[in-house]
């Protein structure tokens, strides 16, 4: 139950209560059809809840791993070294992407690295760099070697971008589906919990069997 939310745990406790009660009634030969239907509904909802929680955990874990694929190659702008850098928060750039802030303990300065720290913000960053490379590649006033180098880097970045975007789109779609399912489950949990509480009140003279 470690991956369940508090409201989900409460519902599982209630379904376990009715499961114990059903087991007791079966032993006594007193489980009627209505009580059996309630018990089956509890089991079905509990199974759906566990499946949803597992899917939610998988989607979020995948997003977490995806967010970590961007690795900074940051260096201090003063000493040009990375050995004394310490992560010091996140800043929002003028372009709207998030970048890591660092403190150089050797130079005692704080600076923001000029690249995004996540793949989602990397997309507009790459598009901007690709556009700049394209301008350089077509600038006939520059040496041919410079233009060829810019064209090569542009093509490599376009290739990387073409691979990255579908992965991010799939992840975004999975997250949207999960969040929609989350809303549906929250509503279902609320309604079913109230129903079970009413059923439990009706049985206030019945004692829960010891575990």
Protein backbone atom coordinates (compact mmCIF):
# COMPACT_ATOMS: atom_id res chain seq x y z
CA UNK A 1 0.00 0.00 0.00
CA UNK A 2 3.05 2.28 -0.08
CA UNK A 3 2.11 3.75 -3.47
CA UNK A 4 -1.46 4.57 -2.39
CA UNK A 5 -2.72 8.04 -1.49
CA UNK A 6 -4.42 8.62 1.92
CA UNK A 7 -7.96 8.52 0.50
CA UNK A 8 -7.10 5.33 -1.36
CA UNK A 9 -5.73 3.70 1.80
CA UNK A 10 -8.93 4.57 3.65
CA UNK A 11 -11.01 2.88 0.98
CA UNK A 12 -8.81 -0.23 1.01
CA UNK A 13 -9.27 -0.46 4.79
CA UNK A 14 -13.02 -0.33 4.29
CA UNK A 15 -12.96 -2.99 1.57
CA UNK A 16 -10.82 -5.18 3.83
CA UNK A 17 -13.43 -4.76 6.57
CA UNK A 18 -16.17 -6.05 4.28
CA UNK A 19 -13.92 -8.84 3.04
CA UNK A 20 -13.35 -10.05 6.61
CA UNK A 21 -17.02 -9.79 7.31
CA UNK A 22 -17.88 -11.83 4.21
CA UNK A 23 -15.38 -14.52 5.20
CA UNK A 24 -17.00 -14.70 8.64
CA UNK A 25 -20.51 -14.94 7.18
CA UNK A 26 -19.42 -17.63 4.73
CA UNK A 27 -18.10 -19.71 7.61
CA UNK A 28 -21.44 -19.29 9.35
CA UNK A 29 -23.38 -19.94 6.14
CA UNK A 30 -25.13 -16.57 6.41
CA UNK A 31 -23.79 -14.62 3.42
CA UNK A 32 -26.81 -13.47 1.40
CA UNK A 33 -26.84 -12.38 -2.25
CA UNK A 34 -26.81 -8.63 -1.53
CA UNK A 35 -23.86 -8.94 0.84
CA UNK A 36 -22.04 -11.07 -1.72
CA UNK A 37 -22.56 -8.36 -4.36
CA UNK A 38 -21.15 -5.72 -2.01
CA UNK A 39 -18.13 -7.91 -1.31
CA UNK A 40 -17.51 -8.53 -5.01
CA UNK A 41 -17.82 -4.81 -5.73
CA UNK A 42 -15.25 -4.14 -3.00
CA UNK A 43 -12.83 -6.65 -4.48
CA UNK A 44 -13.26 -5.29 -8.01
CA UNK A 45 -12.71 -1.71 -6.89
CA UNK A 46 -9.68 -2.67 -4.79
CA UNK A 47 -8.14 -4.45 -7.79
CA UNK A 48 -8.83 -1.42 -10.02
CA UNK A 49 -7.33 0.86 -7.40
CA UNK A 50 -4.14 -1.18 -7.08
CA UNK A 51 -3.80 -1.30 -10.88
CA UNK A 52 -4.30 2.47 -11.14
CA UNK A 53 -1.77 3.14 -8.36
CA UNK A 54 0.79 0.89 -10.07
CA UNK A 55 0.23 2.66 -13.41
CA UNK A 56 0.50 6.07 -11.75
CA UNK A 57 3.78 5.10 -10.12
CA UNK A 58 5.14 3.76 -13.43
CA UNK A 59 4.16 6.92 -15.36
CA UNK A 60 5.67 9.25 -12.75
CA UNK A 61 8.84 7.17 -12.48
CA UNK A 62 9.22 7.25 -16.26
CA UNK A 63 8.76 11.05 -16.20
CA UNK A 64 11.35 11.34 -13.45
CA UNK A 65 13.92 9.33 -15.41
CA UNK A 66 13.13 11.30 -18.55
CA UNK A 67 13.64 14.59 -16.72
CA UNK A 68 17.13 13.45 -15.72
CA UNK A 69 18.48 12.73 -19.22
CA UNK A 70 19.76 16.29 -19.63
CA UNK A 71 23.20 16.48 -18.04
CA UNK A 72 24.86 19.85 -17.60
CA UNK A 73 28.48 20.28 -18.64
CA UNK A 74 28.64 23.44 -16.57
CA UNK A 75 31.90 25.23 -15.85
CA UNK A 76 32.58 28.34 -13.81
CA UNK A 77 32.71 31.41 -16.10
CA UNK A 78 35.63 32.76 -14.07
CA UNK A 79 37.97 29.78 -13.59
CA UNK A 80 36.52 27.59 -16.38
CA UNK A 81 36.45 24.56 -14.08
CA UNK A 82 33.62 22.31 -12.91
CA UNK A 83 35.33 20.66 -9.95
CA UNK A 84 34.26 23.30 -7.42
CA UNK A 85 30.66 23.74 -8.58
CA UNK A 86 27.69 23.15 -6.31
CA UNK A 87 24.08 23.12 -7.53
CA UNK A 88 22.37 26.18 -6.09
CA UNK A 89 18.78 26.09 -7.32
CA UNK A 90 16.90 26.66 -10.56
CA UNK A 91 16.32 29.88 -12.51
CA UNK A 92 13.82 30.76 -15.25
CA UNK A 93 15.46 32.27 -18.31
CA UNK A 94 14.11 35.16 -20.39
CA UNK A 95 13.17 32.60 -23.03
CA UNK A 96 11.03 30.74 -20.49
CA UNK A 97 13.09 27.62 -19.88
CA UNK A 98 14.45 26.39 -16.56
CA UNK A 99 18.20 26.26 -16.04
CA UNK A 100 20.37 25.20 -13.12
CA UNK A 101 22.12 27.73 -10.91
CA UNK A 102 25.57 26.94 -9.59
CA UNK A 103 27.96 28.32 -7.02
CA UNK A 104 31.69 28.05 -7.57
CA UNK A 105 33.22 27.51 -4.14
CA UNK A 106 36.63 28.40 -5.47
CA UNK A 107 35.69 31.77 -6.99
CA UNK A 108 32.78 32.40 -4.60
CA UNK A 109 30.40 33.38 -7.40
CA UNK A 110 26.91 32.21 -8.35
CA UNK A 111 25.82 31.89 -11.97
CA UNK A 112 23.05 30.39 -14.11
CA UNK A 113 24.08 27.88 -16.75
CA UNK A 114 22.84 28.97 -20.16
CA UNK A 115 21.14 25.69 -21.12
CA UNK A 116 17.86 24.06 -20.05
CA UNK A 117 17.97 21.45 -17.28
CA UNK A 118 15.16 19.26 -18.65
CA UNK A 119 14.18 17.73 -22.02
CA UNK A 120 10.89 19.63 -22.34
CA UNK A 121 12.62 23.00 -22.25
CA UNK A 122 15.43 21.56 -24.37
CA UNK A 123 13.06 21.41 -27.36
CA UNK A 124 12.60 25.21 -27.80
CA UNK A 125 16.27 25.69 -26.95
CA UNK A 126 17.33 23.31 -29.72
CA UNK A 127 14.96 24.97 -32.18
CA UNK A 128 16.54 28.33 -31.42
CA UNK A 129 20.08 26.98 -31.81
CA UNK A 130 19.13 25.17 -35.04
CA UNK A 131 17.76 28.42 -36.46
CA UNK A 132 20.99 30.23 -35.54
CA UNK A 133 23.09 27.45 -37.09
CA UNK A 134 20.99 27.61 -40.25
CA UNK A 135 21.63 31.34 -40.59
CA UNK A 136 25.36 30.73 -40.18
CA UNK A 137 25.33 27.86 -42.68
CA UNK A 138 23.76 30.11 -45.34
CA UNK A 139 25.91 33.18 -44.65
CA UNK A 140 28.13 33.36 -47.74
CA UNK A 141 30.24 36.08 -46.13
CA UNK A 142 31.66 33.48 -43.73
CA UNK A 143 34.44 31.00 -44.57
CA UNK A 144 33.23 27.74 -46.15
CA UNK A 145 34.66 25.70 -43.28
CA UNK A 146 32.62 27.72 -40.78
CA UNK A 147 29.46 27.28 -42.84
CA UNK A 148 30.03 23.54 -43.28
CA UNK A 149 30.64 23.11 -39.55
CA UNK A 150 27.42 25.01 -38.76
CA UNK A 151 25.45 22.93 -41.28
CA UNK A 152 26.80 19.70 -39.78
CA UNK A 153 25.87 20.75 -36.23
CA UNK A 154 22.45 21.92 -37.43
CA UNK A 155 21.73 18.57 -39.05
CA UNK A 156 22.88 16.66 -35.95
CA UNK A 157 20.64 18.76 -33.70
CA UNK A 158 17.67 18.31 -36.04
CA UNK A 159 18.21 14.55 -35.90
CA UNK A 160 18.36 14.59 -32.09
CA UNK A 161 15.26 16.78 -31.92
CA UNK A 162 13.37 14.41 -34.21
CA UNK A 163 14.16 11.55 -31.81
CA UNK A 164 13.37 13.50 -28.66
CA UNK A 165 10.00 15.03 -29.54
CA UNK A 166 8.04 11.75 -30.00
CA UNK A 167 9.36 10.45 -26.67
CA UNK A 168 8.22 13.60 -24.87
CA UNK A 169 4.86 13.56 -26.66
CA UNK A 170 4.24 9.96 -25.58
CA UNK A 171 5.17 10.80 -22.01
CA UNK A 172 2.87 13.85 -22.01
CA UNK A 173 -0.01 11.75 -23.37
CA UNK A 174 0.56 9.07 -20.72
CA UNK A 175 0.57 11.74 -18.02
CA UNK A 176 -2.64 13.32 -19.33
CA UNK A 177 -4.38 9.93 -19.45
CA UNK A 178 -3.19 9.10 -15.95
CA UNK A 179 -4.38 12.45 -14.57
CA UNK A 180 -7.79 12.00 -16.21
CA UNK A 181 -8.03 8.53 -14.70
CA UNK A 182 -6.94 10.03 -11.39
CA UNK A 183 -9.93 12.40 -11.42
CA UNK A 184 -12.30 9.56 -12.28
CA UNK A 185 -10.88 7.35 -9.53
CA UNK A 186 -11.07 10.16 -6.97
CA UNK A 187 -14.76 10.63 -7.72
CA UNK A 188 -15.40 6.88 -7.61
CA UNK A 189 -13.49 6.52 -4.34
CA UNK A 190 -15.48 9.33 -2.74
CA UNK A 191 -18.84 7.88 -3.79
CA UNK A 192 -18.01 4.28 -2.94
CA UNK A 193 -16.48 5.23 0.40
CA UNK A 194 -19.67 7.03 1.42
CA UNK A 195 -21.70 4.02 0.32
CA UNK A 196 -19.56 1.61 2.36
CA UNK A 197 -19.67 3.86 5.42
CA UNK A 198 -23.46 3.81 5.27
CA UNK A 199 -23.40 0.02 4.95
CA UNK A 200 -21.02 -0.19 7.89
CA UNK A 201 -23.27 1.99 10.04
CA UNK A 202 -26.12 -0.42 9.31
CA UNK A 203 -24.01 -3.17 10.83
CA UNK A 204 -22.89 -1.28 13.93
CA UNK A 205 -23.80 -4.27 16.05
CA UNK A 206 -21.40 -6.53 14.12
CA UNK A 207 -17.84 -6.75 15.45
CA UNK A 208 -14.91 -6.93 13.09
CA UNK A 209 -13.09 -10.27 13.40
CA UNK A 210 -9.59 -10.15 14.83
CA UNK A 211 -6.72 -10.34 12.35
